[in-house]
Each structure stands twice: as C-alpha cells, then as structure tokens.
C-alpha cells in the first residue's frame, strides 16, 4: 500500500485513513475548520499511537480532553456534546484531513493540557 500523504481538507477513504495513520510515528492532527460556529477557539483530534485524543480549547482553557479508540468516535462525541451549541441548526462539523502540525503550535496546545 502507498504512503499516506495528506494536507488540510484532503478527503481520504476512512478505512484507509484509520489504517495508515496508526502506522505513522509523527503526531498528526485533524482540526475542526468551523470551530467558531460552535463558539470554540480551537478543536482538534490528535493521533497518538493507536488512539485518538479529542481536544477543545478556549483561551488556553481546556473544555474537552478525552481519548477515543477511533477517529469516528471522536467526531461522534464532538457532535453529541456540541451540536446544540452551534450557531445555527444546519451547522455541520467540518474537519481537515490529518496532517503533521507545526511543532511550536502543537507544543503550545499540549502545554494547555498539562496545566
């Protein structure tokens, strides 16, 4: 199977994404592009080995930090928790494809999680 090359917004078969991401050693994230419609500053899924961490931050304060076994589980959990907080009823979560984030950006976000 070919290598996993992704960039923000790239759509990939979910089964391939799950399988290929698990073998990647670098931290990979998927960001919620339209987090402002949920009145949240930053939402992302961080791939860590064979699990996925759903993180929501507002002004460097942790709103959510929870692990799930699948990417799909993270997205479903986000929808269940924040669907009613969306600016409008027809807002749908819009996630990027998984990509290697800027190291400084990721360290800054992870430092919020440690406090």
PDB file of N, CA and C in Angstrom:
ATOM      1  N   UNK A   1       0.849  -1.161   0.000  1.00  0.00           N
ATOM      2  CA  UNK A   1       0.000   0.000   0.000  1.00  0.00           C
ATOM      3  C   UNK A   1       0.896   1.226   0.000  1.00  0.00           C
ATOM      4  N   UNK A   2       0.492   2.293  -0.671  1.00  0.00           N
ATOM      5  CA  UNK A   2       1.290   3.508  -0.793  1.00  0.00           C
ATOM      6  C   UNK A   2       1.391   4.262   0.520  1.00  0.00           C
ATOM      7  N   UNK A   3       2.249   5.272   0.511  1.00  0.00           N
ATOM      8  CA  UNK A   3       2.420   6.071   1.727  1.00  0.00           C
ATOM      9  C   UNK A   3       1.235   7.007   1.918  1.00  0.00           C
ATOM     10  N   UNK A   4       1.074   7.477   3.127  1.00  0.00           N
ATOM     11  CA  UNK A   4      -0.045   8.347   3.483  1.00  0.00           C
ATOM     12  C   UNK A   4       0.407   9.796   3.371  1.00  0.00           C
ATOM     13  N   UNK A   5      -0.045  10.468   2.342  1.00  0.00           N
ATOM     14  CA  UNK A   5       0.242  11.888   2.174  1.00  0.00           C
ATOM     15  C   UNK A   5      -1.062  12.632   2.288  1.00  0.00           C
ATOM     16  N   UNK A   6      -1.120  13.594   3.193  1.00  0.00           N
ATOM     17  CA  UNK A   6      -2.351  14.316   3.442  1.00  0.00           C
ATOM     18  C   UNK A   6      -2.061  15.782   3.632  1.00  0.00           C
ATOM     19  N   UNK A   7      -3.043  16.581   3.394  1.00  0.00           N
ATOM     20  CA  UNK A   7      -2.965  18.001   3.662  1.00  0.00           C
ATOM     21  C   UNK A   7      -4.337  18.447   4.119  1.00  0.00           C
ATOM     22  N   UNK A   8      -4.416  19.588   4.793  1.00  0.00           N
ATOM     23  CA  UNK A   8      -5.710  20.031   5.319  1.00  0.00           C
ATOM     24  C   UNK A   8      -6.776  20.064   4.239  1.00  0.00           C
ATOM     25  N   UNK A   9      -7.923  19.486   4.554  1.00  0.00           N
ATOM     26  CA  UNK A   9      -9.046  19.487   3.632  1.00  0.00           C
ATOM     27  C   UNK A   9      -9.082  18.315   2.677  1.00  0.00           C
ATOM     28  N   UNK A  10      -8.019  17.512   2.621  1.00  0.00           N
ATOM     29  CA  UNK A  10      -7.995  16.382   1.703  1.00  0.00           C
ATOM     30  C   UNK A  10      -8.917  15.287   2.210  1.00  0.00           C
ATOM     31  N   UNK A  11      -9.771  14.786   1.352  1.00  0.00           N
ATOM     32  CA  UNK A  11     -10.672  13.702   1.735  1.00  0.00           C
ATOM     33  C   UNK A  11     -10.028  12.370   1.380  1.00  0.00           C
ATOM     34  N   UNK A  12     -10.070  11.438   2.328  1.00  0.00           N
ATOM     35  CA  UNK A  12      -9.481  10.123   2.149  1.00  0.00           C
ATOM     36  C   UNK A  12     -10.462   9.085   2.666  1.00  0.00           C
ATOM     37  N   UNK A  13     -10.467   7.941   2.048  1.00  0.00           N
ATOM     38  CA  UNK A  13     -11.305   6.834   2.494  1.00  0.00           C
ATOM     39  C   UNK A  13     -11.079   6.615   3.994  1.00  0.00           C
ATOM     40  N   UNK A  14     -12.143   6.618   4.839  1.00  0.00           N
ATOM     41  CA  UNK A  14     -11.969   6.495   6.300  1.00  0.00           C
ATOM     42  C   UNK A  14     -11.241   5.234   6.728  1.00  0.00           C
ATOM     43  N   UNK A  15     -11.477   4.115   6.053  1.00  0.00           N
ATOM     44  CA  UNK A  15     -10.794   2.876   6.433  1.00  0.00           C
ATOM     45  C   UNK A  15      -9.296   2.989   6.166  1.00  0.00           C
ATOM     46  N   UNK A  16      -8.930   3.576   5.026  1.00  0.00           N
ATOM     47  CA  UNK A  16      -7.524   3.767   4.692  1.00  0.00           C
ATOM     48  C   UNK A  16      -6.896   4.741   5.680  1.00  0.00           C
ATOM     49  N   UNK A  17      -7.594   5.799   5.987  1.00  0.00           N
ATOM     50  CA  UNK A  17      -7.092   6.812   6.909  1.00  0.00           C
ATOM     51  C   UNK A  17      -6.781   6.165   8.258  1.00  0.00           C
ATOM     52  N   UNK A  18      -7.725   5.405   8.797  1.00  0.00           N
ATOM     53  CA  UNK A  18      -7.552   4.751  10.101  1.00  0.00           C
ATOM     54  C   UNK A  18      -6.334   3.837  10.069  1.00  0.00           C
ATOM     55  N   UNK A  19      -6.232   3.015   9.038  1.00  0.00           N
ATOM     56  CA  UNK A  19      -5.164   2.035   8.944  1.00  0.00           C
ATOM     57  C   UNK A  19      -3.804   2.708   8.756  1.00  0.00           C
ATOM     58  N   UNK A  20      -3.703   3.675   7.857  1.00  0.00           N
ATOM     59  CA  UNK A  20      -2.437   4.311   7.555  1.00  0.00           C
ATOM     60  C   UNK A  20      -1.957   5.221   8.682  1.00  0.00           C
ATOM     61  N   UNK A  21      -2.854   5.945   9.324  1.00  0.00           N
ATOM     62  CA  UNK A  21      -2.445   6.866  10.381  1.00  0.00           C
ATOM     63  C   UNK A  21      -1.842   6.101  11.548  1.00  0.00           C
ATOM     64  N   UNK A  22      -2.382   4.934  11.869  1.00  0.00           N
ATOM     65  CA  UNK A  22      -1.888   4.153  13.004  1.00  0.00           C
ATOM     66  C   UNK A  22      -0.418   3.777  12.862  1.00  0.00           C
ATOM     67  N   UNK A  23       0.112   3.708  11.655  1.00  0.00           N
ATOM     68  CA  UNK A  23       1.499   3.309  11.453  1.00  0.00           C
ATOM     69  C   UNK A  23       2.438   4.510  11.419  1.00  0.00           C
ATOM     70  N   UNK A  24       1.914   5.725  11.457  1.00  0.00           N
ATOM     71  CA  UNK A  24       2.719   6.927  11.367  1.00  0.00           C
ATOM     72  C   UNK A  24       3.313   7.260  12.737  1.00  0.00           C
ATOM     73  N   UNK A  25       4.610   7.570  12.801  1.00  0.00           N
ATOM     74  CA  UNK A  25       5.264   7.862  14.069  1.00  0.00           C
ATOM     75  C   UNK A  25       5.155   9.326  14.463  1.00  0.00           C
ATOM     76  N   UNK A  26       4.975  10.229  13.520  1.00  0.00           N
ATOM     77  CA  UNK A  26       4.846  11.652  13.835  1.00  0.00           C
ATOM     78  C   UNK A  26       3.448  11.931  14.370  1.00  0.00           C
ATOM     79  N   UNK A  27       3.333  12.928  15.271  1.00  0.00           N
ATOM     80  CA  UNK A  27       1.981  13.311  15.703  1.00  0.00           C
ATOM     81  C   UNK A  27       1.233  13.914  14.514  1.00  0.00           C
ATOM     82  N   UNK A  28       0.003  13.513  14.353  1.00  0.00           N
ATOM     83  CA  UNK A  28      -0.839  14.004  13.267  1.00  0.00           C
ATOM     84  C   UNK A  28      -2.115  14.553  13.888  1.00  0.00           C
ATOM     85  N   UNK A  29      -2.637  15.624  13.285  1.00  0.00           N
ATOM     86  CA  UNK A  29      -3.879  16.195  13.788  1.00  0.00           C
ATOM     87  C   UNK A  29      -4.877  16.411  12.660  1.00  0.00           C
ATOM     88  N   UNK A  30      -6.118  16.499  13.067  1.00  0.00           N
ATOM     89  CA  UNK A  30      -7.218  16.941  12.207  1.00  0.00           C
ATOM     90  C   UNK A  30      -7.888  18.066  12.973  1.00  0.00           C
ATOM     91  N   UNK A  31      -8.015  19.231  12.342  1.00  0.00           N
ATOM     92  CA  UNK A  31      -8.618  20.388  13.022  1.00  0.00           C
ATOM     93  C   UNK A  31     -10.044  20.598  12.557  1.00  0.00           C
ATOM     94  N   UNK A  32     -10.852  21.108  13.459  1.00  0.00           N
ATOM     95  CA  UNK A  32     -12.212  21.493  13.124  1.00  0.00           C
ATOM     96  C   UNK A  32     -12.133  22.885  12.511  1.00  0.00           C
ATOM     97  N   UNK A  33     -12.373  22.958  11.212  1.00  0.00           N
ATOM     98  CA  UNK A  33     -12.237  24.220  10.481  1.00  0.00           C
ATOM     99  C   UNK A  33     -13.236  25.259  10.963  1.00  0.00           C
ATOM    100  N   UNK A  34     -14.448  24.842  11.221  1.00  0.00           N
ATOM    101  CA  UNK A  34     -15.507  25.791  11.571  1.00  0.00           C
ATOM    102  C   UNK A  34     -15.819  25.799  13.076  1.00  0.00           C
ATOM    103  N   UNK A  35     -14.781  25.723  13.902  1.00  0.00           N
ATOM    104  CA  UNK A  35     -14.984  25.720  15.359  1.00  0.00           C
ATOM    105  C   UNK A  35     -15.647  27.000  15.850  1.00  0.00           C
ATOM    106  N   UNK A  36     -15.469  28.104  15.133  1.00  0.00           N
ATOM    107  CA  UNK A  36     -16.075  29.368  15.558  1.00  0.00           C
ATOM    108  C   UNK A  36     -17.595  29.303  15.522  1.00  0.00           C
ATOM    109  N   UNK A  37     -18.165  28.434  14.704  1.00  0.00           N
ATOM    110  CA  UNK A  37     -19.623  28.275  14.665  1.00  0.00           C
ATOM    111  C   UNK A  37     -20.160  27.567  15.911  1.00  0.00           C
ATOM    112  N   UNK A  38     -19.246  26.963  16.659  1.00  0.00           N
ATOM    113  CA  UNK A  38     -19.601  26.318  17.926  1.00  0.00           C
ATOM    114  C   UNK A  38     -19.161  27.180  19.112  1.00  0.00           C
ATOM    115  N   UNK A  39     -18.676  28.373  18.812  1.00  0.00           N
ATOM    116  CA  UNK A  39     -18.185  29.314  19.821  1.00  0.00           C
ATOM    117  C   UNK A  39     -17.013  28.726  20.606  1.00  0.00           C
ATOM    118  N   UNK A  40     -16.138  28.012  19.890  1.00  0.00           N
ATOM    119  CA  UNK A  40     -14.940  27.412  20.483  1.00  0.00           C
ATOM    120  C   UNK A  40     -13.738  27.876  19.666  1.00  0.00           C
ATOM    121  N   UNK A  41     -12.692  28.267  20.350  1.00  0.00           N
ATOM    122  CA  UNK A  41     -11.497  28.787  19.694  1.00  0.00           C
ATOM    123  C   UNK A  41     -10.749  27.723  18.885  1.00  0.00           C
ATOM    124  N   UNK A  42     -10.540  26.549  19.474  1.00  0.00           N
ATOM    125  CA  UNK A  42      -9.717  25.533  18.818  1.00  0.00           C
ATOM    126  C   UNK A  42     -10.203  24.134  19.183  1.00  0.00           C
ATOM    127  N   UNK A  43     -10.448  23.317  18.156  1.00  0.00           N
ATOM    128  CA  UNK A  43     -10.824  21.919  18.360  1.00  0.00           C
ATOM    129  C   UNK A  43      -9.980  21.085  17.406  1.00  0.00           C
ATOM    130  N   UNK A  44      -9.386  20.024  17.917  1.00  0.00           N
ATOM    131  CA  UNK A  44      -8.608  19.139  17.049  1.00  0.00           C
ATOM    132  C   UNK A  44      -8.601  17.723  17.598  1.00  0.00           C
ATOM    133  N   UNK A  45      -8.287  16.800  16.711  1.00  0.00           N
ATOM    134  CA  UNK A  45      -8.101  15.389  17.073  1.00  0.00           C
ATOM    135  C   UNK A  45      -6.618  15.109  16.895  1.00  0.00           C
ATOM    136  N   UNK A  46      -5.976  14.627  17.943  1.00  0.00           N
ATOM    137  CA  UNK A  46      -4.561  14.290  17.913  1.00  0.00           C
ATOM    138  C   UNK A  46      -4.420  12.781  17.870  1.00  0.00           C
ATOM    139  N   UNK A  47      -3.738  12.290  16.853  1.00  0.00           N
ATOM    140  CA  UNK A  47      -3.493  10.855  16.728  1.00  0.00           C
ATOM    141  C   UNK A  47      -2.292  10.516  17.597  1.00  0.00           C
ATOM    142  N   UNK A  48      -2.483   9.614  18.543  1.00  0.00           N
ATOM    143  CA  UNK A  48      -1.409   9.163  19.425  1.00  0.00           C
ATOM    144  C   UNK A  48      -1.375   7.643  19.403  1.00  0.00           C
ATOM    145  N   UNK A  49      -0.389   7.102  18.728  1.00  0.00           N
ATOM    146  CA  UNK A  49      -0.250   5.661  18.541  1.00  0.00           C
ATOM    147  C   UNK A  49      -1.559   5.081  18.006  1.00  0.00           C
ATOM    148  N   UNK A  50      -2.234   4.213  18.754  1.00  0.00           N
ATOM    149  CA  UNK A  50      -3.464   3.580  18.265  1.00  0.00           C
ATOM    150  C   UNK A  50      -4.713   4.142  18.923  1.00  0.00           C
ATOM    151  N   UNK A  51      -4.649   5.401  19.361  1.00  0.00           N
ATOM    152  CA  UNK A  51      -5.828   6.035  19.943  1.00  0.00           C
ATOM    153  C   UNK A  51      -5.865   7.490  19.483  1.00  0.00           C
ATOM    154  N   UNK A  52      -6.997   8.115  19.704  1.00  0.00           N
ATOM    155  CA  UNK A  52      -7.230   9.461  19.196  1.00  0.00           C
ATOM    156  C   UNK A  52      -7.728  10.343  20.329  1.00  0.00           C
ATOM    157  N   UNK A  53      -7.163  11.526  20.423  1.00  0.00           N
ATOM    158  CA  UNK A  53      -7.450  12.439  21.526  1.00  0.00           C
ATOM    159  C   UNK A  53      -8.225  13.646  20.988  1.00  0.00           C
ATOM    160  N   UNK A  54      -9.442  13.803  21.465  1.00  0.00           N
ATOM    161  CA  UNK A  54     -10.274  14.932  21.081  1.00  0.00           C
ATOM    162  C   UNK A  54     -10.038  16.060  22.076  1.00  0.00           C
ATOM    163  N   UNK A  55      -9.615  17.210  21.561  1.00  0.00           N
ATOM    164  CA  UNK A  55      -9.270  18.347  22.411  1.00  0.00           C
ATOM    165  C   UNK A  55     -10.037  19.585  21.947  1.00  0.00           C
ATOM    166  N   UNK A  56     -10.630  20.289  22.901  1.00  0.00           N
ATOM    167  CA  UNK A  56     -11.285  21.574  22.643  1.00  0.00           C
ATOM    168  C   UNK A  56     -10.718  22.583  23.629  1.00  0.00           C
ATOM    169  N   UNK A  57     -10.234  23.717  23.101  1.00  0.00           N
ATOM    170  CA  UNK A  57      -9.628  24.757  23.931  1.00  0.00           C
ATOM    171  C   UNK A  57     -10.297  26.099  23.677  1.00  0.00           C
ATOM    172  N   UNK A  58     -10.453  26.855  24.744  1.00  0.00           N
ATOM    173  CA  UNK A  58     -10.988  28.211  24.653  1.00  0.00           C
ATOM    174  C   UNK A  58     -10.109  29.107  25.509  1.00  0.00           C
ATOM    175  N   UNK A  59      -9.385  30.029  24.884  1.00  0.00           N
ATOM    176  CA  UNK A  59      -8.472  30.932  25.595  1.00  0.00           C
ATOM    177  C   UNK A  59      -7.505  30.144  26.483  1.00  0.00           C
ATOM    178  N   UNK A  60      -6.922  29.104  25.908  1.00  0.00           N
ATOM    179  CA  UNK A  60      -5.960  28.224  26.584  1.00  0.00           C
ATOM    180  C   UNK A  60      -6.550  27.495  27.790  1.00  0.00           C
ATOM    181  N   UNK A  61      -7.857  27.421  27.869  1.00  0.00           N
ATOM    182  CA  UNK A  61      -8.549  26.658  28.908  1.00  0.00           C
ATOM    183  C   UNK A  61      -9.127  25.402  28.265  1.00  0.00           C
ATOM    184  N   UNK A  62      -8.953  24.278  28.911  1.00  0.00           N
ATOM    185  CA  UNK A  62      -9.405  23.001  28.357  1.00  0.00           C
ATOM    186  C   UNK A  62     -10.909  22.840  28.563  1.00  0.00           C
ATOM    187  N   UNK A  63     -11.633  22.724  27.460  1.00  0.00           N
ATOM    188  CA  UNK A  63     -13.066  22.436  27.518  1.00  0.00           C
ATOM    189  C   UNK A  63     -13.306  20.933  27.430  1.00  0.00           C
ATOM    190  N   UNK A  64     -12.441  20.266  26.656  1.00  0.00           N
ATOM    191  CA  UNK A  64     -12.576  18.821  26.473  1.00  0.00           C
ATOM    192  C   UNK A  64     -11.205  18.237  26.172  1.00  0.00           C
ATOM    193  N   UNK A  65     -10.932  17.094  26.774  1.00  0.00           N
ATOM    194  CA  UNK A  65      -9.700  16.352  26.526  1.00  0.00           C
ATOM    195  C   UNK A  65     -10.001  14.899  26.841  1.00  0.00           C
ATOM    196  N   UNK A  66     -10.318  14.144  25.805  1.00  0.00           N
ATOM    197  CA  UNK A  66     -10.722  12.761  26.018  1.00  0.00           C
ATOM    198  C   UNK A  66     -10.209  11.879  24.889  1.00  0.00           C
ATOM    199  N   UNK A  67      -9.865  10.640  25.243  1.00  0.00           N
ATOM    200  CA  UNK A  67      -9.367   9.668  24.266  1.00  0.00           C
ATOM    201  C   UNK A  67     -10.492   8.788  23.741  1.00  0.00           C
ATOM    202  N   UNK A  68     -10.357   8.406  22.469  1.00  0.00           N
ATOM    203  CA  UNK A  68     -11.294   7.501  21.813  1.00  0.00           C
ATOM    204  C   UNK A  68     -10.490   6.510  20.983  1.00  0.00           C
ATOM    205  N   UNK A  69     -11.022   5.301  20.776  1.00  0.00           N
ATOM    206  CA  UNK A  69     -10.276   4.313  20.004  1.00  0.00           C
ATOM    207  C   UNK A  69     -10.266   4.584  18.490  1.00  0.00           C
ATOM    208  N   UNK A  70     -11.198   5.407  18.002  1.00  0.00           N
ATOM    209  CA  UNK A  70     -11.272   5.670  16.561  1.00  0.00           C
ATOM    210  C   UNK A  70     -11.485   7.157  16.268  1.00  0.00           C
ATOM    211  N   UNK A  71     -11.153   7.533  15.069  1.00  0.00           N
ATOM    212  CA  UNK A  71     -11.412   8.899  14.596  1.00  0.00           C
ATOM    213  C   UNK A  71     -12.912   9.146  14.589  1.00  0.00           C
ATOM    214  N   UNK A  72     -13.639   8.184  14.099  1.00  0.00           N
ATOM    215  CA  UNK A  72     -15.096   8.298  14.035  1.00  0.00           C
ATOM    216  C   UNK A  72     -15.690   8.526  15.425  1.00  0.00           C
ATOM    217  N   UNK A  73     -15.158   7.836  16.421  1.00  0.00           N
ATOM    218  CA  UNK A  73     -15.619   8.012  17.796  1.00  0.00           C
ATOM    219  C   UNK A  73     -15.429   9.439  18.279  1.00  0.00           C
ATOM    220  N   UNK A  74     -14.294  10.050  17.928  1.00  0.00           N
ATOM    221  CA  UNK A  74     -14.035  11.449  18.295  1.00  0.00           C
ATOM    222  C   UNK A  74     -15.068  12.368  17.661  1.00  0.00           C
ATOM    223  N   UNK A  75     -15.324  12.151  16.387  1.00  0.00           N
ATOM    224  CA  UNK A  75     -16.252  13.028  15.665  1.00  0.00           C
ATOM    225  C   UNK A  75     -17.683  12.874  16.177  1.00  0.00           C
ATOM    226  N   UNK A  76     -18.076  11.664  16.481  1.00  0.00           N
ATOM    227  CA  UNK A  76     -19.416  11.428  17.029  1.00  0.00           C
ATOM    228  C   UNK A  76     -19.534  12.084  18.403  1.00  0.00           C
ATOM    229  N   UNK A  77     -18.514  11.917  19.238  1.00  0.00           N
ATOM    230  CA  UNK A  77     -18.529  12.519  20.577  1.00  0.00           C
ATOM    231  C   UNK A  77     -18.632  14.038  20.484  1.00  0.00           C
ATOM    232  N   UNK A  78     -17.871  14.634  19.576  1.00  0.00           N
ATOM    233  CA  UNK A  78     -17.943  16.082  19.417  1.00  0.00           C
ATOM    234  C   UNK A  78     -19.358  16.498  19.015  1.00  0.00           C
ATOM    235  N   UNK A  79     -19.927  15.806  18.039  1.00  0.00           N
ATOM    236  CA  UNK A  79     -21.280  16.147  17.583  1.00  0.00           C
ATOM    237  C   UNK A  79     -22.300  16.035  18.719  1.00  0.00           C
ATOM    238  N   UNK A  80     -22.204  14.972  19.505  1.00  0.00           N
ATOM    239  CA  UNK A  80     -23.155  14.783  20.608  1.00  0.00           C
ATOM    240  C   UNK A  80     -23.028  15.880  21.661  1.00  0.00           C
ATOM    241  N   UNK A  81     -21.798  16.270  21.960  1.00  0.00           N
ATOM    242  CA  UNK A  81     -21.576  17.251  23.020  1.00  0.00           C
ATOM    243  C   UNK A  81     -21.823  18.695  22.590  1.00  0.00           C
ATOM    244  N   UNK A  82     -21.551  19.003  21.334  1.00  0.00           N
ATOM    245  CA  UNK A  82     -21.574  20.405  20.918  1.00  0.00           C
ATOM    246  C   UNK A  82     -22.603  20.757  19.851  1.00  0.00           C
ATOM    247  N   UNK A  83     -23.364  19.804  19.377  1.00  0.00           N
ATOM    248  CA  UNK A  83     -24.342  20.089  18.325  1.00  0.00           C
ATOM    249  C   UNK A  83     -25.333  21.174  18.747  1.00  0.00           C
ATOM    250  N   UNK A  84     -25.815  21.114  19.961  1.00  0.00           N
ATOM    251  CA  UNK A  84     -26.799  22.095  20.446  1.00  0.00           C
ATOM    252  C   UNK A  84     -26.189  23.465  20.714  1.00  0.00           C
ATOM    253  N   UNK A  85     -24.864  23.546  20.732  1.00  0.00           N
ATOM    254  CA  UNK A  85     -24.205  24.827  20.979  1.00  0.00           C
ATOM    255  C   UNK A  85     -23.829  25.539  19.685  1.00  0.00           C
ATOM    256  N   UNK A  86     -24.123  24.926  18.555  1.00  0.00           N
ATOM    257  CA  UNK A  86     -23.786  25.526  17.264  1.00  0.00           C
ATOM    258  C   UNK A  86     -24.609  26.784  17.032  1.00  0.00           C
ATOM    259  N   UNK A  87     -24.036  27.688  16.276  1.00  0.00           N
ATOM    260  CA  UNK A  87     -24.666  28.967  15.982  1.00  0.00           C
ATOM    261  C   UNK A  87     -26.004  28.799  15.262  1.00  0.00           C
ATOM    262  N   UNK A  88     -26.113  27.784  14.415  1.00  0.00           N
ATOM    263  CA  UNK A  88     -27.347  27.537  13.670  1.00  0.00           C
ATOM    264  C   UNK A  88     -27.589  26.036  13.588  1.00  0.00           C
ATOM    265  N   UNK A  89     -28.834  25.643  13.362  1.00  0.00           N
ATOM    266  CA  UNK A  89     -29.189  24.214  13.321  1.00  0.00           C
ATOM    267  C   UNK A  89     -28.509  23.459  12.194  1.00  0.00           C
ATOM    268  N   UNK A  90     -28.261  24.127  11.075  1.00  0.00           N
ATOM    269  CA  UNK A  90     -27.712  23.432   9.915  1.00  0.00           C
ATOM    270  C   UNK A  90     -26.182  23.378   9.891  1.00  0.00           C
ATOM    271  N   UNK A  91     -25.519  23.778  10.972  1.00  0.00           N
ATOM    272  CA  UNK A  91     -24.055  23.738  11.041  1.00  0.00           C
ATOM    273  C   UNK A  91     -23.604  22.286  11.186  1.00  0.00           C
ATOM    274  N   UNK A  92     -22.673  21.890  10.345  1.00  0.00           N
ATOM    275  CA  UNK A  92     -22.070  20.556  10.401  1.00  0.00           C
ATOM    276  C   UNK A  92     -20.569  20.720  10.660  1.00  0.00           C
ATOM    277  N   UNK A  93     -20.029  19.855  11.473  1.00  0.00           N
ATOM    278  CA  UNK A  93     -18.595  19.892  11.760  1.00  0.00           C
ATOM    279  C   UNK A  93     -17.814  19.648  10.479  1.00  0.00           C
ATOM    280  N   UNK A  94     -16.825  20.493  10.222  1.00  0.00           N
ATOM    281  CA  UNK A  94     -16.009  20.404   9.016  1.00  0.00           C
ATOM    282  C   UNK A  94     -14.549  20.193   9.437  1.00  0.00           C
ATOM    283  N   UNK A  95     -14.078  18.949   9.329  1.00  0.00           N
ATOM    284  CA  UNK A  95     -12.741  18.571   9.776  1.00  0.00           C
ATOM    285  C   UNK A  95     -11.763  18.557   8.608  1.00  0.00           C
ATOM    286  N   UNK A  96     -10.509  18.919   8.892  1.00  0.00           N
ATOM    287  CA  UNK A  96      -9.458  18.787   7.888  1.00  0.00           C
ATOM    288  C   UNK A  96      -9.056  17.323   7.808  1.00  0.00           C
ATOM    289  N   UNK A  97      -8.292  16.981   6.783  1.00  0.00           N
ATOM    290  CA  UNK A  97      -7.636  15.684   6.761  1.00  0.00           C
ATOM    291  C   UNK A  97      -6.521  15.701   7.802  1.00  0.00           C
ATOM    292  N   UNK A  98      -5.938  14.567   8.102  1.00  0.00           N
ATOM    293  CA  UNK A  98      -4.849  14.527   9.072  1.00  0.00           C
ATOM    294  C   UNK A  98      -3.570  15.043   8.434  1.00  0.00           C
ATOM    295  N   UNK A  99      -2.827  15.839   9.205  1.00  0.00           N
ATOM    296  CA  UNK A  99      -1.569  16.394   8.730  1.00  0.00           C
ATOM    297  C   UNK A  99      -0.623  16.587   9.905  1.00  0.00           C
ATOM    298  N   UNK A 100       0.654  16.770   9.589  1.00  0.00           N
ATOM    299  CA  UNK A 100       1.697  16.995  10.582  1.00  0.00           C
ATOM    300  C   UNK A 100       1.654  18.472  10.975  1.00  0.00           C
ATOM    301  N   UNK A 101       1.281  18.797  12.218  1.00  0.00           N
ATOM    302  CA  UNK A 101       1.155  20.205  12.604  1.00  0.00           C
ATOM    303  C   UNK A 101       2.511  20.858  12.866  1.00  0.00           C
ATOM    304  N   UNK A 102       2.524  22.172  12.888  1.00  0.00           N
ATOM    305  CA  UNK A 102       3.709  22.931  13.265  1.00  0.00           C
ATOM    306  C   UNK A 102       4.086  22.523  14.689  1.00  0.00           C
ATOM    307  N   UNK A 103       5.348  22.224  14.904  1.00  0.00           N
ATOM    308  CA  UNK A 103       5.819  21.732  16.206  1.00  0.00           C
ATOM    309  C   UNK A 103       5.528  22.721  17.335  1.00  0.00           C
ATOM    310  N   UNK A 104       5.801  24.011  17.106  1.00  0.00           N
ATOM    311  CA  UNK A 104       5.571  25.024  18.138  1.00  0.00           C
ATOM    312  C   UNK A 104       4.083  25.149  18.469  1.00  0.00           C
ATOM    313  N   UNK A 105       3.237  25.086  17.443  1.00  0.00           N
ATOM    314  CA  UNK A 105       1.789  25.166  17.655  1.00  0.00           C
ATOM    315  C   UNK A 105       1.325  24.012  18.535  1.00  0.00           C
ATOM    316  N   UNK A 106       1.767  22.807  18.196  1.00  0.00           N
ATOM    317  CA  UNK A 106       1.350  21.628  18.952  1.00  0.00           C
ATOM    318  C   UNK A 106       1.872  21.683  20.391  1.00  0.00           C
ATOM    319  N   UNK A 107       3.105  22.109  20.582  1.00  0.00           N
ATOM    320  CA  UNK A 107       3.655  22.217  21.940  1.00  0.00           C
ATOM    321  C   UNK A 107       2.865  23.219  22.773  1.00  0.00           C
ATOM    322  N   UNK A 108       2.472  24.323  22.158  1.00  0.00           N
ATOM    323  CA  UNK A 108       1.665  25.333  22.871  1.00  0.00           C
ATOM    324  C   UNK A 108       0.327  24.743  23.302  1.00  0.00           C
ATOM    325  N   UNK A 109      -0.325  24.018  22.412  1.00  0.00           N
ATOM    326  CA  UNK A 109      -1.620  23.422  22.741  1.00  0.00           C
ATOM    327  C   UNK A 109      -1.464  22.336  23.795  1.00  0.00           C
ATOM    328  N   UNK A 110      -0.428  21.533  23.685  1.00  0.00           N
ATOM    329  CA  UNK A 110      -0.213  20.461  24.665  1.00  0.00           C
ATOM    330  C   UNK A 110       0.141  21.027  26.034  1.00  0.00           C
ATOM    331  N   UNK A 111       0.782  22.182  26.085  1.00  0.00           N
ATOM    332  CA  UNK A 111       1.107  22.789  27.374  1.00  0.00           C
ATOM    333  C   UNK A 111      -0.172  23.196  28.107  1.00  0.00           C
ATOM    334  N   UNK A 112      -1.213  23.565  27.369  1.00  0.00           N
ATOM    335  CA  UNK A 112      -2.518  23.878  27.986  1.00  0.00           C
ATOM    336  C   UNK A 112      -3.103  22.634  28.641  1.00  0.00           C
ATOM    337  N   UNK A 113      -2.862  21.487  28.049  1.00  0.00           N
ATOM    338  CA  UNK A 113      -3.420  20.239  28.551  1.00  0.00           C
ATOM    339  C   UNK A 113      -2.725  19.772  29.828  1.00  0.00           C
ATOM    340  N   UNK A 114      -1.501  20.193  30.019  1.00  0.00           N
ATOM    341  CA  UNK A 114      -0.711  19.763  31.174  1.00  0.00           C
ATOM    342  C   UNK A 114      -1.003  20.600  32.413  1.00  0.00           C
ATOM    343  N   UNK A 115      -1.593  21.764  32.229  1.00  0.00           N
ATOM    344  CA  UNK A 115      -1.871  22.654  33.369  1.00  0.00           C
ATOM    345  C   UNK A 115      -3.149  22.309  34.058  1.00  0.00           C
TER     346      UNK A 115
END
